[in-house]
mmCIF file of all heavy atoms, coordinates in Angstrom:
data_MODEL
# 
_entry.id   MODEL 
# 
loop_
_atom_site.group_PDB 
_atom_site.id 
_atom_site.type_symbol 
_atom_site.label_atom_id 
_atom_site.label_alt_id 
_atom_site.label_comp_id 
_atom_site.label_asym_id 
_atom_site.label_entity_id 
_atom_site.label_seq_id 
_atom_site.pdbx_PDB_ins_code 
_atom_site.Cartn_x 
_atom_site.Cartn_y 
_atom_site.Cartn_z 
_atom_site.occupancy 
_atom_site.B_iso_or_equiv 
_atom_site.pdbx_formal_charge 
_atom_site.auth_seq_id 
_atom_site.auth_comp_id 
_atom_site.auth_asym_id 
_atom_site.auth_atom_id 
_atom_site.pdbx_PDB_model_num 
ATOM 1   N N   . ASP A 1 1  ? -14.006 -8.046 -0.069 1.00 0.00 ? 1  ASP A N   1 
ATOM 2   C CA  . ASP A 1 1  ? -12.915 -7.115 -0.441 1.00 0.00 ? 1  ASP A CA  1 
ATOM 3   C C   . ASP A 1 1  ? -12.678 -5.962 0.569  1.00 0.00 ? 1  ASP A C   1 
ATOM 4   O O   . ASP A 1 1  ? -11.762 -5.149 0.434  1.00 0.00 ? 1  ASP A O   1 
ATOM 5   C CB  . ASP A 1 1  ? -13.236 -6.440 -1.792 1.00 0.00 ? 1  ASP A CB  1 
ATOM 6   C CG  . ASP A 1 1  ? -13.244 -7.453 -2.964 1.00 0.00 ? 1  ASP A CG  1 
ATOM 7   O OD1 . ASP A 1 1  ? -12.319 -8.297 -2.918 1.00 0.00 ? 1  ASP A OD1 1 
ATOM 8   O OD2 . ASP A 1 1  ? -14.141 -7.406 -3.792 1.00 0.00 ? 1  ASP A OD2 1 
ATOM 9   N N   . THR A 1 2  ? -13.555 -5.822 1.617  1.00 0.00 ? 2  THR A N   1 
ATOM 10  C CA  . THR A 1 2  ? -13.402 -4.875 2.639  1.00 0.00 ? 2  THR A CA  1 
ATOM 11  C C   . THR A 1 2  ? -12.029 -5.025 3.357  1.00 0.00 ? 2  THR A C   1 
ATOM 12  O O   . THR A 1 2  ? -11.748 -6.071 3.885  1.00 0.00 ? 2  THR A O   1 
ATOM 13  C CB  . THR A 1 2  ? -14.601 -4.906 3.609  1.00 0.00 ? 2  THR A CB  1 
ATOM 14  O OG1 . THR A 1 2  ? -15.839 -4.693 2.982  1.00 0.00 ? 2  THR A OG1 1 
ATOM 15  C CG2 . THR A 1 2  ? -14.361 -3.999 4.796  1.00 0.00 ? 2  THR A CG2 1 
ATOM 16  N N   . ASP A 1 3  ? -11.308 -3.913 3.331  1.00 0.00 ? 3  ASP A N   1 
ATOM 17  C CA  . ASP A 1 3  ? -9.991  -3.997 3.912  1.00 0.00 ? 3  ASP A CA  1 
ATOM 18  C C   . ASP A 1 3  ? -9.370  -2.564 3.822  1.00 0.00 ? 3  ASP A C   1 
ATOM 19  O O   . ASP A 1 3  ? -9.944  -1.676 3.248  1.00 0.00 ? 3  ASP A O   1 
ATOM 20  C CB  . ASP A 1 3  ? -9.041  -4.922 3.062  1.00 0.00 ? 3  ASP A CB  1 
ATOM 21  C CG  . ASP A 1 3  ? -8.742  -6.218 3.788  1.00 0.00 ? 3  ASP A CG  1 
ATOM 22  O OD1 . ASP A 1 3  ? -8.674  -6.182 5.014  1.00 0.00 ? 3  ASP A OD1 1 
ATOM 23  O OD2 . ASP A 1 3  ? -8.642  -7.252 3.081  1.00 0.00 ? 3  ASP A OD2 1 
ATOM 24  N N   . VAL A 1 4  ? -8.199  -2.431 4.441  1.00 0.00 ? 4  VAL A N   1 
ATOM 25  C CA  . VAL A 1 4  ? -7.391  -1.245 4.283  1.00 0.00 ? 4  VAL A CA  1 
ATOM 26  C C   . VAL A 1 4  ? -6.380  -1.545 3.131  1.00 0.00 ? 4  VAL A C   1 
ATOM 27  O O   . VAL A 1 4  ? -5.658  -2.554 3.205  1.00 0.00 ? 4  VAL A O   1 
ATOM 28  C CB  . VAL A 1 4  ? -6.528  -0.900 5.488  1.00 0.00 ? 4  VAL A CB  1 
ATOM 29  C CG1 . VAL A 1 4  ? -5.629  0.261  5.283  1.00 0.00 ? 4  VAL A CG1 1 
ATOM 30  C CG2 . VAL A 1 4  ? -7.571  -0.518 6.639  1.00 0.00 ? 4  VAL A CG2 1 
ATOM 31  N N   . TYR A 1 5  ? -6.434  -0.759 2.095  1.00 0.00 ? 5  TYR A N   1 
ATOM 32  C CA  . TYR A 1 5  ? -5.524  -0.974 0.950  1.00 0.00 ? 5  TYR A CA  1 
ATOM 33  C C   . TYR A 1 5  ? -4.356  -0.011 1.035  1.00 0.00 ? 5  TYR A C   1 
ATOM 34  O O   . TYR A 1 5  ? -4.497  1.242  1.209  1.00 0.00 ? 5  TYR A O   1 
ATOM 35  C CB  . TYR A 1 5  ? -6.356  -0.689 -0.316 1.00 0.00 ? 5  TYR A CB  1 
ATOM 36  C CG  . TYR A 1 5  ? -7.363  -1.785 -0.685 1.00 0.00 ? 5  TYR A CG  1 
ATOM 37  C CD1 . TYR A 1 5  ? -8.394  -2.063 0.115  1.00 0.00 ? 5  TYR A CD1 1 
ATOM 38  C CD2 . TYR A 1 5  ? -7.193  -2.681 -1.706 1.00 0.00 ? 5  TYR A CD2 1 
ATOM 39  C CE1 . TYR A 1 5  ? -9.306  -3.105 -0.116 1.00 0.00 ? 5  TYR A CE1 1 
ATOM 40  C CE2 . TYR A 1 5  ? -7.988  -3.688 -1.954 1.00 0.00 ? 5  TYR A CE2 1 
ATOM 41  C CZ  . TYR A 1 5  ? -9.078  -3.936 -1.136 1.00 0.00 ? 5  TYR A CZ  1 
ATOM 42  O OH  . TYR A 1 5  ? -9.957  -4.948 -1.456 1.00 0.00 ? 5  TYR A OH  1 
ATOM 43  N N   . CYS A 1 6  ? -3.147  -0.620 0.962  1.00 0.00 ? 6  CYS A N   1 
ATOM 44  C CA  . CYS A 1 6  ? -1.943  0.097  1.069  1.00 0.00 ? 6  CYS A CA  1 
ATOM 45  C C   . CYS A 1 6  ? -1.167  0.147  -0.250 1.00 0.00 ? 6  CYS A C   1 
ATOM 46  O O   . CYS A 1 6  ? -0.981  -0.893 -0.901 1.00 0.00 ? 6  CYS A O   1 
ATOM 47  C CB  . CYS A 1 6  ? -1.064  -0.455 2.094  1.00 0.00 ? 6  CYS A CB  1 
ATOM 48  S SG  . CYS A 1 6  ? -1.720  -0.429 3.765  1.00 0.00 ? 6  CYS A SG  1 
ATOM 49  N N   . CYS A 1 7  ? -0.744  1.311  -0.591 1.00 0.00 ? 7  CYS A N   1 
ATOM 50  C CA  . CYS A 1 7  ? 0.128   1.423  -1.865 1.00 0.00 ? 7  CYS A CA  1 
ATOM 51  C C   . CYS A 1 7  ? 1.512   0.918  -1.491 1.00 0.00 ? 7  CYS A C   1 
ATOM 52  O O   . CYS A 1 7  ? 1.999   1.012  -0.414 1.00 0.00 ? 7  CYS A O   1 
ATOM 53  C CB  . CYS A 1 7  ? 0.180   2.892  -2.227 1.00 0.00 ? 7  CYS A CB  1 
ATOM 54  S SG  . CYS A 1 7  ? 1.188   3.172  -3.743 1.00 0.00 ? 7  CYS A SG  1 
ATOM 55  N N   . TYR A 1 8  ? 2.140   0.277  -2.487 1.00 0.00 ? 8  TYR A N   1 
ATOM 56  C CA  . TYR A 1 8  ? 3.413   -0.298 -2.320 1.00 0.00 ? 8  TYR A CA  1 
ATOM 57  C C   . TYR A 1 8  ? 4.384   0.225  -3.459 1.00 0.00 ? 8  TYR A C   1 
ATOM 58  O O   . TYR A 1 8  ? 3.968   0.200  -4.574 1.00 0.00 ? 8  TYR A O   1 
ATOM 59  C CB  . TYR A 1 8  ? 3.369   -1.772 -2.281 1.00 0.00 ? 8  TYR A CB  1 
ATOM 60  C CG  . TYR A 1 8  ? 4.671   -2.524 -2.497 1.00 0.00 ? 8  TYR A CG  1 
ATOM 61  C CD1 . TYR A 1 8  ? 5.599   -2.647 -1.491 1.00 0.00 ? 8  TYR A CD1 1 
ATOM 62  C CD2 . TYR A 1 8  ? 4.982   -3.109 -3.759 1.00 0.00 ? 8  TYR A CD2 1 
ATOM 63  C CE1 . TYR A 1 8  ? 6.799   -3.262 -1.719 1.00 0.00 ? 8  TYR A CE1 1 
ATOM 64  C CE2 . TYR A 1 8  ? 6.182   -3.693 -4.005 1.00 0.00 ? 8  TYR A CE2 1 
ATOM 65  C CZ  . TYR A 1 8  ? 7.029   -3.838 -2.931 1.00 0.00 ? 8  TYR A CZ  1 
ATOM 66  O OH  . TYR A 1 8  ? 8.242   -4.515 -3.206 1.00 0.00 ? 8  TYR A OH  1 
ATOM 67  N N   . VAL A 1 9  ? 5.670   0.453  -3.142 1.00 0.00 ? 9  VAL A N   1 
ATOM 68  C CA  . VAL A 1 9  ? 6.625   0.785  -4.105 1.00 0.00 ? 9  VAL A CA  1 
ATOM 69  C C   . VAL A 1 9  ? 7.900   0.093  -3.866 1.00 0.00 ? 9  VAL A C   1 
ATOM 70  O O   . VAL A 1 9  ? 8.302   0.022  -2.675 1.00 0.00 ? 9  VAL A O   1 
ATOM 71  C CB  . VAL A 1 9  ? 6.862   2.330  -4.154 1.00 0.00 ? 9  VAL A CB  1 
ATOM 72  C CG1 . VAL A 1 9  ? 8.157   2.586  -4.930 1.00 0.00 ? 9  VAL A CG1 1 
ATOM 73  C CG2 . VAL A 1 9  ? 5.723   3.057  -4.879 1.00 0.00 ? 9  VAL A CG2 1 
ATOM 74  N N   . ARG A 1 10 ? 8.465   -0.547 -4.879 1.00 0.00 ? 10 ARG A N   1 
ATOM 75  C CA  . ARG A 1 10 ? 9.889   -1.088 -4.722 1.00 0.00 ? 10 ARG A CA  1 
ATOM 76  C C   . ARG A 1 10 ? 10.697  -0.085 -5.488 1.00 0.00 ? 10 ARG A C   1 
ATOM 77  O O   . ARG A 1 10 ? 10.498  -0.099 -6.807 1.00 0.00 ? 10 ARG A O   1 
ATOM 78  C CB  . ARG A 1 10 ? 9.957   -2.488 -5.173 1.00 0.00 ? 10 ARG A CB  1 
ATOM 79  C CG  . ARG A 1 10 ? 11.313  -3.105 -5.019 1.00 0.00 ? 10 ARG A CG  1 
ATOM 80  C CD  . ARG A 1 10 ? 11.304  -4.522 -5.225 1.00 0.00 ? 10 ARG A CD  1 
ATOM 81  N NE  . ARG A 1 10 ? 12.641  -5.200 -4.970 1.00 0.00 ? 10 ARG A NE  1 
ATOM 82  C CZ  . ARG A 1 10 ? 13.002  -5.638 -3.787 1.00 0.00 ? 10 ARG A CZ  1 
ATOM 83  N NH1 . ARG A 1 10 ? 12.287  -5.417 -2.790 1.00 0.00 ? 10 ARG A NH1 1 
ATOM 84  N NH2 . ARG A 1 10 ? 14.158  -6.249 -3.736 1.00 0.00 ? 10 ARG A NH2 1 
ATOM 85  N N   . SER A 1 11 ? 11.679  0.532  -4.905 1.00 0.00 ? 11 SER A N   1 
ATOM 86  C CA  . SER A 1 11 ? 12.419  1.606  -5.600 1.00 0.00 ? 11 SER A CA  1 
ATOM 87  C C   . SER A 1 11 ? 13.518  1.017  -6.477 1.00 0.00 ? 11 SER A C   1 
ATOM 88  O O   . SER A 1 11 ? 13.837  -0.235 -6.386 1.00 0.00 ? 11 SER A O   1 
ATOM 89  C CB  . SER A 1 11 ? 13.028  2.566  -4.659 1.00 0.00 ? 11 SER A CB  1 
ATOM 90  O OG  . SER A 1 11 ? 14.040  1.924  -3.945 1.00 0.00 ? 11 SER A OG  1 
ATOM 91  N N   . ALA A 1 12 ? 14.171  1.837  -7.290 1.00 0.00 ? 12 ALA A N   1 
ATOM 92  C CA  . ALA A 1 12 ? 15.299  1.396  -8.063 1.00 0.00 ? 12 ALA A CA  1 
ATOM 93  C C   . ALA A 1 12 ? 16.400  0.841  -7.248 1.00 0.00 ? 12 ALA A C   1 
ATOM 94  O O   . ALA A 1 12 ? 17.213  0.070  -7.720 1.00 0.00 ? 12 ALA A O   1 
ATOM 95  C CB  . ALA A 1 12 ? 15.744  2.550  -8.993 1.00 0.00 ? 12 ALA A CB  1 
ATOM 96  N N   . ARG A 1 13 ? 16.488  1.244  -5.990 1.00 0.00 ? 13 ARG A N   1 
ATOM 97  C CA  . ARG A 1 13 ? 17.547  0.798  -5.084 1.00 0.00 ? 13 ARG A CA  1 
ATOM 98  C C   . ARG A 1 13 ? 17.058  -0.430 -4.271 1.00 0.00 ? 13 ARG A C   1 
ATOM 99  O O   . ARG A 1 13 ? 17.683  -0.799 -3.271 1.00 0.00 ? 13 ARG A O   1 
ATOM 100 C CB  . ARG A 1 13 ? 17.982  1.859  -4.085 1.00 0.00 ? 13 ARG A CB  1 
ATOM 101 C CG  . ARG A 1 13 ? 18.602  3.032  -4.846 1.00 0.00 ? 13 ARG A CG  1 
ATOM 102 C CD  . ARG A 1 13 ? 19.158  4.088  -3.840 1.00 0.00 ? 13 ARG A CD  1 
ATOM 103 N NE  . ARG A 1 13 ? 19.929  5.090  -4.554 1.00 0.00 ? 13 ARG A NE  1 
ATOM 104 C CZ  . ARG A 1 13 ? 20.637  6.050  -3.872 1.00 0.00 ? 13 ARG A CZ  1 
ATOM 105 N NH1 . ARG A 1 13 ? 20.631  6.089  -2.597 1.00 0.00 ? 13 ARG A NH1 1 
ATOM 106 N NH2 . ARG A 1 13 ? 21.257  7.014  -4.623 1.00 0.00 ? 13 ARG A NH2 1 
ATOM 107 N N   . ALA A 1 14 ? 15.962  -1.041 -4.703 1.00 0.00 ? 14 ALA A N   1 
ATOM 108 C CA  . ALA A 1 14 ? 15.358  -2.203 -4.108 1.00 0.00 ? 14 ALA A CA  1 
ATOM 109 C C   . ALA A 1 14 ? 14.922  -2.010 -2.655 1.00 0.00 ? 14 ALA A C   1 
ATOM 110 O O   . ALA A 1 14 ? 14.935  -2.960 -1.829 1.00 0.00 ? 14 ALA A O   1 
ATOM 111 C CB  . ALA A 1 14 ? 16.478  -3.410 -4.191 1.00 0.00 ? 14 ALA A CB  1 
ATOM 112 N N   . ASN A 1 15 ? 14.547  -0.888 -2.323 1.00 0.00 ? 15 ASN A N   1 
ATOM 113 C CA  . ASN A 1 15 ? 13.957  -0.523 -1.018 1.00 0.00 ? 15 ASN A CA  1 
ATOM 114 C C   . ASN A 1 15 ? 12.430  -0.621 -1.197 1.00 0.00 ? 15 ASN A C   1 
ATOM 115 O O   . ASN A 1 15 ? 11.867  -0.166 -2.191 1.00 0.00 ? 15 ASN A O   1 
ATOM 116 C CB  . ASN A 1 15 ? 14.327  0.783  -0.444 1.00 0.00 ? 15 ASN A CB  1 
ATOM 117 C CG  . ASN A 1 15 ? 15.804  0.897  -0.123 1.00 0.00 ? 15 ASN A CG  1 
ATOM 118 O OD1 . ASN A 1 15 ? 16.416  -0.065 0.357  1.00 0.00 ? 15 ASN A OD1 1 
ATOM 119 N ND2 . ASN A 1 15 ? 16.487  2.011  -0.547 1.00 0.00 ? 15 ASN A ND2 1 
ATOM 120 N N   . ASN A 1 16 ? 11.726  -1.119 -0.107 1.00 0.00 ? 16 ASN A N   1 
ATOM 121 C CA  . ASN A 1 16 ? 10.255  -1.144 -0.146 1.00 0.00 ? 16 ASN A CA  1 
ATOM 122 C C   . ASN A 1 16 ? 9.734   -0.056 0.624  1.00 0.00 ? 16 ASN A C   1 
ATOM 123 O O   . ASN A 1 16 ? 10.164  0.311  1.758  1.00 0.00 ? 16 ASN A O   1 
ATOM 124 C CB  . ASN A 1 16 ? 9.836   -2.485 0.479  1.00 0.00 ? 16 ASN A CB  1 
ATOM 125 C CG  . ASN A 1 16 ? 10.331  -3.652 -0.343 1.00 0.00 ? 16 ASN A CG  1 
ATOM 126 O OD1 . ASN A 1 16 ? 10.302  -3.622 -1.571 1.00 0.00 ? 16 ASN A OD1 1 
ATOM 127 N ND2 . ASN A 1 16 ? 10.749  -4.742 0.362  1.00 0.00 ? 16 ASN A ND2 1 
ATOM 128 N N   . TYR A 1 17 ? 8.558   0.510  0.134  1.00 0.00 ? 17 TYR A N   1 
ATOM 129 C CA  . TYR A 1 17 ? 7.851   1.613  0.805  1.00 0.00 ? 17 TYR A CA  1 
ATOM 130 C C   . TYR A 1 17 ? 6.424   1.303  0.845  1.00 0.00 ? 17 TYR A C   1 
ATOM 131 O O   . TYR A 1 17 ? 5.871   0.641  -0.111 1.00 0.00 ? 17 TYR A O   1 
ATOM 132 C CB  . TYR A 1 17 ? 8.124   2.889  0.066  1.00 0.00 ? 17 TYR A CB  1 
ATOM 133 C CG  . TYR A 1 17 ? 9.529   3.327  0.088  1.00 0.00 ? 17 TYR A CG  1 
ATOM 134 C CD1 . TYR A 1 17 ? 10.463  2.981  -0.973 1.00 0.00 ? 17 TYR A CD1 1 
ATOM 135 C CD2 . TYR A 1 17 ? 10.080  4.129  1.029  1.00 0.00 ? 17 TYR A CD2 1 
ATOM 136 C CE1 . TYR A 1 17 ? 11.751  3.287  -0.950 1.00 0.00 ? 17 TYR A CE1 1 
ATOM 137 C CE2 . TYR A 1 17 ? 11.438  4.536  1.108  1.00 0.00 ? 17 TYR A CE2 1 
ATOM 138 C CZ  . TYR A 1 17 ? 12.295  4.094  0.070  1.00 0.00 ? 17 TYR A CZ  1 
ATOM 139 O OH  . TYR A 1 17 ? 13.611  4.438  0.005  1.00 0.00 ? 17 TYR A OH  1 
ATOM 140 N N   . TRP A 1 18 ? 5.723   1.802  1.929  1.00 0.00 ? 18 TRP A N   1 
ATOM 141 C CA  . TRP A 1 18 ? 4.282   1.595  2.046  1.00 0.00 ? 18 TRP A CA  1 
ATOM 142 C C   . TRP A 1 18 ? 3.534   2.810  2.368  1.00 0.00 ? 18 TRP A C   1 
ATOM 143 O O   . TRP A 1 18 ? 4.042   3.686  3.031  1.00 0.00 ? 18 TRP A O   1 
ATOM 144 C CB  . TRP A 1 18 ? 4.105   0.588  3.171  1.00 0.00 ? 18 TRP A CB  1 
ATOM 145 C CG  . TRP A 1 18 ? 4.760   -0.717 3.020  1.00 0.00 ? 18 TRP A CG  1 
ATOM 146 C CD1 . TRP A 1 18 ? 6.007   -1.035 3.389  1.00 0.00 ? 18 TRP A CD1 1 
ATOM 147 C CD2 . TRP A 1 18 ? 4.299   -1.883 2.330  1.00 0.00 ? 18 TRP A CD2 1 
ATOM 148 N NE1 . TRP A 1 18 ? 6.384   -2.314 3.050  1.00 0.00 ? 18 TRP A NE1 1 
ATOM 149 C CE2 . TRP A 1 18 ? 5.335   -2.923 2.354  1.00 0.00 ? 18 TRP A CE2 1 
ATOM 150 C CE3 . TRP A 1 18 ? 3.109   -2.217 1.724  1.00 0.00 ? 18 TRP A CE3 1 
ATOM 151 C CZ2 . TRP A 1 18 ? 5.124   -4.102 1.799  1.00 0.00 ? 18 TRP A CZ2 1 
ATOM 152 C CZ3 . TRP A 1 18 ? 2.945   -3.445 1.215  1.00 0.00 ? 18 TRP A CZ3 1 
ATOM 153 C CH2 . TRP A 1 18 ? 3.965   -4.446 1.208  1.00 0.00 ? 18 TRP A CH2 1 
ATOM 154 N N   . GLY A 1 19 ? 2.363   2.920  1.867  1.00 0.00 ? 19 GLY A N   1 
ATOM 155 C CA  . GLY A 1 19 ? 1.572   4.114  2.080  1.00 0.00 ? 19 GLY A CA  1 
ATOM 156 C C   . GLY A 1 19 ? 0.883   3.907  3.457  1.00 0.00 ? 19 GLY A C   1 
ATOM 157 O O   . GLY A 1 19 ? 0.952   2.776  4.023  1.00 0.00 ? 19 GLY A O   1 
ATOM 158 N N   . GLN A 1 20 ? 0.169   4.903  3.921  1.00 0.00 ? 20 GLN A N   1 
ATOM 159 C CA  . GLN A 1 20 ? -0.616  4.878  5.145  1.00 0.00 ? 20 GLN A CA  1 
ATOM 160 C C   . GLN A 1 20 ? -1.850  3.909  5.006  1.00 0.00 ? 20 GLN A C   1 
ATOM 161 O O   . GLN A 1 20 ? -2.318  3.418  6.014  1.00 0.00 ? 20 GLN A O   1 
ATOM 162 C CB  . GLN A 1 20 ? -1.070  6.269  5.535  1.00 0.00 ? 20 GLN A CB  1 
ATOM 163 C CG  . GLN A 1 20 ? 0.075   7.137  5.974  1.00 0.00 ? 20 GLN A CG  1 
ATOM 164 C CD  . GLN A 1 20 ? 0.789   6.676  7.208  1.00 0.00 ? 20 GLN A CD  1 
ATOM 165 O OE1 . GLN A 1 20 ? 0.079   6.376  8.187  1.00 0.00 ? 20 GLN A OE1 1 
ATOM 166 N NE2 . GLN A 1 20 ? 2.102   6.713  7.254  1.00 0.00 ? 20 GLN A NE2 1 
ATOM 167 N N   . GLY A 1 21 ? -2.353  3.786  3.889  1.00 0.00 ? 21 GLY A N   1 
ATOM 168 C CA  . GLY A 1 21 ? -3.497  2.888  3.660  1.00 0.00 ? 21 GLY A CA  1 
ATOM 169 C C   . GLY A 1 21 ? -4.773  3.765  3.524  1.00 0.00 ? 21 GLY A C   1 
ATOM 170 O O   . GLY A 1 21 ? -4.951  4.878  3.966  1.00 0.00 ? 21 GLY A O   1 
ATOM 171 N N   . THR A 1 22 ? -5.693  3.228  2.736  1.00 0.00 ? 22 THR A N   1 
ATOM 172 C CA  . THR A 1 22 ? -7.007  3.809  2.569  1.00 0.00 ? 22 THR A CA  1 
ATOM 173 C C   . THR A 1 22 ? -8.101  2.712  2.693  1.00 0.00 ? 22 THR A C   1 
ATOM 174 O O   . THR A 1 22 ? -7.871  1.659  2.198  1.00 0.00 ? 22 THR A O   1 
ATOM 175 C CB  . THR A 1 22 ? -7.102  4.560  1.171  1.00 0.00 ? 22 THR A CB  1 
ATOM 176 O OG1 . THR A 1 22 ? -8.340  5.185  1.004  1.00 0.00 ? 22 THR A OG1 1 
ATOM 177 C CG2 . THR A 1 22 ? -7.002  3.579  -0.009 1.00 0.00 ? 22 THR A CG2 1 
ATOM 178 N N   . GLN A 1 23 ? -9.139  3.055  3.411  1.00 0.00 ? 23 GLN A N   1 
ATOM 179 C CA  . GLN A 1 23 ? -10.129 2.123  3.730  1.00 0.00 ? 23 GLN A CA  1 
ATOM 180 C C   . GLN A 1 23 ? -11.082 1.914  2.568  1.00 0.00 ? 23 GLN A C   1 
ATOM 181 O O   . GLN A 1 23 ? -11.627 2.901  2.070  1.00 0.00 ? 23 GLN A O   1 
ATOM 182 C CB  . GLN A 1 23 ? -10.944 2.609  5.017  1.00 0.00 ? 23 GLN A CB  1 
ATOM 183 C CG  . GLN A 1 23 ? -12.080 1.606  5.432  1.00 0.00 ? 23 GLN A CG  1 
ATOM 184 C CD  . GLN A 1 23 ? -11.548 0.294  6.008  1.00 0.00 ? 23 GLN A CD  1 
ATOM 185 O OE1 . GLN A 1 23 ? -10.699 0.285  6.788  1.00 0.00 ? 23 GLN A OE1 1 
ATOM 186 N NE2 . GLN A 1 23 ? -12.127 -0.800 5.547  1.00 0.00 ? 23 GLN A NE2 1 
ATOM 187 N N   . VAL A 1 24 ? -11.350 0.649  2.352  1.00 0.00 ? 24 VAL A N   1 
ATOM 188 C CA  . VAL A 1 24 ? -12.352 0.253  1.317  1.00 0.00 ? 24 VAL A CA  1 
ATOM 189 C C   . VAL A 1 24 ? -13.405 -0.632 2.065  1.00 0.00 ? 24 VAL A C   1 
ATOM 190 O O   . VAL A 1 24 ? -13.026 -1.571 2.671  1.00 0.00 ? 24 VAL A O   1 
ATOM 191 C CB  . VAL A 1 24 ? -11.823 -0.493 0.132  1.00 0.00 ? 24 VAL A CB  1 
ATOM 192 C CG1 . VAL A 1 24 ? -12.906 -1.108 -0.797 1.00 0.00 ? 24 VAL A CG1 1 
ATOM 193 C CG2 . VAL A 1 24 ? -10.855 0.431  -0.662 1.00 0.00 ? 24 VAL A CG2 1 
ATOM 194 N N   . THR A 1 25 ? -14.639 -0.198 2.047  1.00 0.00 ? 25 THR A N   1 
ATOM 195 C CA  . THR A 1 25 ? -15.717 -0.963 2.664  1.00 0.00 ? 25 THR A CA  1 
ATOM 196 C C   . THR A 1 25 ? -16.830 -1.216 1.693  1.00 0.00 ? 25 THR A C   1 
ATOM 197 O O   . THR A 1 25 ? -17.327 -0.388 1.034  1.00 0.00 ? 25 THR A O   1 
ATOM 198 C CB  . THR A 1 25 ? -16.304 -0.153 3.842  1.00 0.00 ? 25 THR A CB  1 
ATOM 199 O OG1 . THR A 1 25 ? -15.271 0.180  4.772  1.00 0.00 ? 25 THR A OG1 1 
ATOM 200 C CG2 . THR A 1 25 ? -17.374 -0.954 4.534  1.00 0.00 ? 25 THR A CG2 1 
ATOM 201 N N   . VAL A 1 26 ? -17.113 -2.545 1.561  1.00 0.00 ? 26 VAL A N   1 
ATOM 202 C CA  . VAL A 1 26 ? -18.110 -2.952 0.605  1.00 0.00 ? 26 VAL A CA  1 
ATOM 203 C C   . VAL A 1 26 ? -19.261 -3.565 1.479  1.00 0.00 ? 26 VAL A C   1 
ATOM 204 O O   . VAL A 1 26 ? -19.129 -4.538 2.144  1.00 0.00 ? 26 VAL A O   1 
ATOM 205 C CB  . VAL A 1 26 ? -17.559 -4.074 -0.338 1.00 0.00 ? 26 VAL A CB  1 
ATOM 206 C CG1 . VAL A 1 26 ? -18.593 -4.375 -1.445 1.00 0.00 ? 26 VAL A CG1 1 
ATOM 207 C CG2 . VAL A 1 26 ? -16.258 -3.526 -1.051 1.00 0.00 ? 26 VAL A CG2 1 
# 
């Protein structure tokens, strides 16, 4: 599961947005 996890949003106008990411290390 070790990876950079990025938040994702699809807006009401059908545009996609991504966060910068947060590192998860197991």
